[in-house]
Amino acid sequence: NSSKEIVFVFFYSATCPACRRFSPIWEETSCAISDESIIFAHLEGNANQGVINAYSVSHTPTLALFHGVRVE
C-alpha cells in the first residue's frame, strides 16, 4: 500500500554549530505537528555523502521539502 506524502528533511552536520542550535527546534516542531501526511526526517551529511550529492546540498543546515513523494 503506497501513498503520496510530504517529506520535510533537515540536512545537518554533527560538527556544525548552527545545526546543533537548530536541532532542538527541529525536534520540537516535528513532534508538535501531528499531520500524518508529513514525514519529518533528518540526515547527517558526512555519513550520507551520496544523498547529499544527489540533492546538491552544499551547506548545512539545509531544509528541503519534497512533495508528492511515494512512500511504500
Protein backbone atom coordinates (compact mmCIF):
# COMPACT_ATOMS: atom_id res chain seq x y z
CA ASN A 1 0.00 0.00 0.00
CA SER A 2 1.54 3.33 -1.01
CA SER A 3 0.52 6.94 -0.71
CA LYS A 4 1.76 10.36 -1.68
CA GLU A 5 3.42 12.21 1.14
CA ILE A 6 5.20 15.41 2.03
CA VAL A 7 8.71 14.78 3.29
CA PHE A 8 10.48 17.59 5.16
CA VAL A 9 14.21 16.92 5.58
CA PHE A 10 16.75 18.62 7.82
CA PHE A 11 20.21 18.05 6.32
CA TYR A 12 22.80 18.65 9.03
CA SER A 13 26.39 18.02 10.06
CA ALA A 14 27.29 16.80 13.53
CA THR A 15 30.16 19.31 13.62
CA CYS A 16 28.10 22.33 12.51
CA PRO A 17 27.37 24.85 15.32
CA ALA A 18 24.29 26.25 13.53
CA CYS A 19 22.95 22.72 13.07
CA ARG A 20 23.37 21.97 16.78
CA ARG A 21 21.49 25.16 17.68
CA PHE A 22 18.67 24.37 15.23
CA SER A 23 18.30 20.68 16.14
CA PRO A 24 16.10 21.21 19.26
CA ILE A 25 13.79 23.47 17.25
CA TRP A 26 13.52 20.80 14.55
CA GLU A 27 12.74 18.11 17.13
CA GLU A 28 10.13 20.22 18.90
CA THR A 29 8.43 21.21 15.64
CA SER A 30 8.40 17.71 14.19
CA CYS A 31 6.87 16.34 17.39
CA ALA A 32 4.27 19.13 17.65
CA ILE A 33 2.85 18.70 14.14
CA SER A 34 0.51 15.73 14.04
CA ASP A 35 -0.36 15.77 10.34
CA GLU A 36 0.11 12.18 9.17
CA SER A 37 0.71 13.31 5.58
CA ILE A 38 4.00 14.95 6.61
CA ILE A 39 7.11 12.90 7.27
CA PHE A 40 9.89 14.70 9.15
CA ALA A 41 13.40 13.37 8.65
CA HIS A 42 16.92 14.43 9.47
CA LEU A 43 20.02 13.29 7.64
CA GLU A 44 23.62 13.67 8.77
CA GLY A 45 25.55 14.77 5.70
CA ASN A 46 29.01 13.42 6.49
CA ALA A 47 27.66 9.88 6.83
CA ASN A 48 25.41 10.17 3.75
CA GLN A 49 27.51 11.84 1.05
CA GLY A 50 25.65 10.06 -1.76
CA VAL A 51 22.31 11.55 -0.71
CA ILE A 52 23.85 14.97 -0.06
CA ASN A 53 25.36 14.97 -3.55
CA ALA A 54 22.19 13.67 -5.20
CA TYR A 55 20.21 16.63 -3.83
CA SER A 56 23.03 19.17 -4.37
CA VAL A 57 23.21 20.13 -0.70
CA SER A 58 26.33 22.25 -0.45
CA HIS A 59 25.94 23.65 3.09
CA THR A 60 24.39 22.68 6.37
CA PRO A 61 21.95 23.27 7.84
CA THR A 62 19.68 22.88 4.84
CA LEU A 63 15.93 22.29 4.94
CA ALA A 64 14.25 20.64 1.97
CA LEU A 65 10.57 19.99 1.36
CA PHE A 66 9.64 17.19 -1.04
CA HIS A 67 6.02 16.96 -2.18
CA GLY A 68 4.32 14.05 -3.88
CA VAL A 69 6.85 11.52 -2.69
CA ARG A 70 5.64 7.94 -2.98
CA VAL A 71 6.23 6.15 0.31
CA GLU A 72 5.72 2.41 0.49
